[in-house]
C-alpha atoms as a PDB file:
ATOM      1  CA  MET A   1      -3.125  -8.957 -10.165  1.00  0.00           C
ATOM      2  CA  ARG A   2      -1.756 -12.533  -9.526  1.00  0.00           C
ATOM      3  CA  THR A   3      -0.572 -13.276  -6.070  1.00  0.00           C
ATOM      4  CA  PRO A   4       2.701 -15.167  -5.985  1.00  0.00           C
ATOM      5  CA  LYS A   5       2.774 -18.049  -3.552  1.00  0.00           C
ATOM      6  CA  ASP A   6       6.420 -17.411  -2.470  1.00  0.00           C
ATOM      7  CA  LEU A   7       8.987 -14.617  -3.030  1.00  0.00           C
ATOM      8  CA  MET A   8      12.570 -15.094  -2.865  1.00  0.00           C
ATOM      9  CA  ALA A   9      15.678 -12.894  -3.085  1.00  0.00           C
ATOM     10  CA  VAL A  10      17.794 -13.473  -5.958  1.00  0.00           C
ATOM     11  CA  HIS A  11      21.084 -11.819  -6.955  1.00  0.00           C
ATOM     12  CA  VAL A  12      21.326 -11.095 -10.682  1.00  0.00           C
ATOM     13  CA  PRO A  13      25.034 -10.344 -11.833  1.00  0.00           C
ATOM     14  CA  LYS A  14      25.753  -8.142 -14.791  1.00  0.00           C
ATOM     15  CA  GLU A  15      26.437 -11.133 -17.083  1.00  0.00           C
ATOM     16  CA  ASP A  16      23.048 -12.759 -16.365  1.00  0.00           C
ATOM     17  CA  LEU A  17      20.939  -9.651 -16.947  1.00  0.00           C
ATOM     18  CA  GLY A  18      19.744 -10.615 -20.507  1.00  0.00           C
ATOM     19  CA  ASP A  19      18.411 -14.041 -18.922  1.00  0.00           C
ATOM     20  CA  TYR A  20      15.907 -11.889 -16.956  1.00  0.00           C
ATOM     21  CA  SER A  21      15.357  -9.155 -19.429  1.00  0.00           C
ATOM     22  CA  LEU A  22      16.788  -6.672 -16.980  1.00  0.00           C
ATOM     23  CA  SER A  23      19.095  -3.656 -17.343  1.00  0.00           C
ATOM     24  CA  GLU A  24      20.702  -3.439 -13.945  1.00  0.00           C
ATOM     25  CA  ALA A  25      22.564  -5.925 -11.731  1.00  0.00           C
ATOM     26  CA  GLY A  26      21.440  -6.297  -8.100  1.00  0.00           C
ATOM     27  CA  TRP A  27      19.254  -8.146  -5.884  1.00  0.00           C
ATOM     28  CA  TYR A  28      15.633  -8.870  -7.063  1.00  0.00           C
ATOM     29  CA  ALA A  29      12.422 -10.347  -5.431  1.00  0.00           C
ATOM     30  CA  MET A  30      11.286 -13.096  -7.662  1.00  0.00           C
ATOM     31  CA  ASP A  31       8.042 -15.145  -7.404  1.00  0.00           C
ATOM     32  CA  ASP A  32       7.847 -19.030  -7.593  1.00  0.00           C
ATOM     33  CA  GLY A  33       7.449 -18.828 -11.287  1.00  0.00           C
ATOM     34  CA  GLY A  34      10.764 -16.877 -11.835  1.00  0.00           C
ATOM     35  CA  HIS A  35       9.139 -13.544 -12.559  1.00  0.00           C
ATOM     36  CA  VAL A  36      10.800 -10.490 -11.254  1.00  0.00           C
ATOM     37  CA  ILE A  37       8.404  -8.606  -8.788  1.00  0.00           C
ATOM     38  CA  LEU A  38      10.662  -6.034  -6.979  1.00  0.00           C
ATOM     39  CA  GLY A  39      14.098  -4.559  -7.504  1.00  0.00           C
ATOM     40  CA  PRO A  40      16.833  -3.959  -7.972  1.00  0.00           C
ATOM     41  CA  PHE A  41      18.011  -3.541  -4.525  1.00  0.00           C
ATOM     42  CA  GLU A  42      21.782  -2.937  -3.446  1.00  0.00           C
ATOM     43  CA  SER A  43      21.826  -5.501  -0.751  1.00  0.00           C
ATOM     44  CA  LEU A  44      20.213  -8.750   0.330  1.00  0.00           C
ATOM     45  CA  SER A  45      18.880  -7.099   3.540  1.00  0.00           C
ATOM     46  CA  LEU A  46      16.987  -4.438   1.524  1.00  0.00           C
ATOM     47  CA  CYS A  47      15.446  -6.924  -0.820  1.00  0.00           C
ATOM     48  CA  ASP A  48      14.324  -9.132   2.217  1.00  0.00           C
ATOM     49  CA  ARG A  49      12.824  -6.066   3.809  1.00  0.00           C
ATOM     50  CA  ALA A  50      10.812  -5.221   0.611  1.00  0.00           C
ATOM     51  CA  ILE A  51       9.714  -8.874   0.458  1.00  0.00           C
ATOM     52  CA  ARG A  52       8.461  -8.846   4.037  1.00  0.00           C
ATOM     53  CA  ASP A  53       6.607  -5.500   3.380  1.00  0.00           C
ATOM     54  CA  ARG A  54       4.982  -6.807   0.185  1.00  0.00           C
ATOM     55  CA  LEU A  55       3.763  -9.791   2.049  1.00  0.00           C
ATOM     56  CA  GLU A  56       2.432  -7.803   4.735  1.00  0.00           C
ATOM     57  CA  GLN A  57       0.500  -5.501   2.347  1.00  0.00           C
ATOM     58  CA  GLN A  58      -1.010  -8.557   0.687  1.00  0.00           C
ATOM     59  CA  LYS A  59      -2.183 -10.003   3.954  1.00  0.00           C
ATOM     60  CA  LYS A  60      -4.083  -6.713   4.636  1.00  0.00           C
ATOM     61  CA  MET A  61      -5.933  -7.022   1.220  1.00  0.00           C
END
């Protein structure tokens, strides 16, 4: 599996779902290539927590 260099939280509204090939609006963790890695989340704080957890897991590998 490719390891992204950076993950960022991005809110995808309903009208932009097709741009990302998604079916549900919400917060998503995207890598530096614009690929959705995690989500959807109901809030920015939940998305940020998932990003931190994911990065911590990758450090342990």
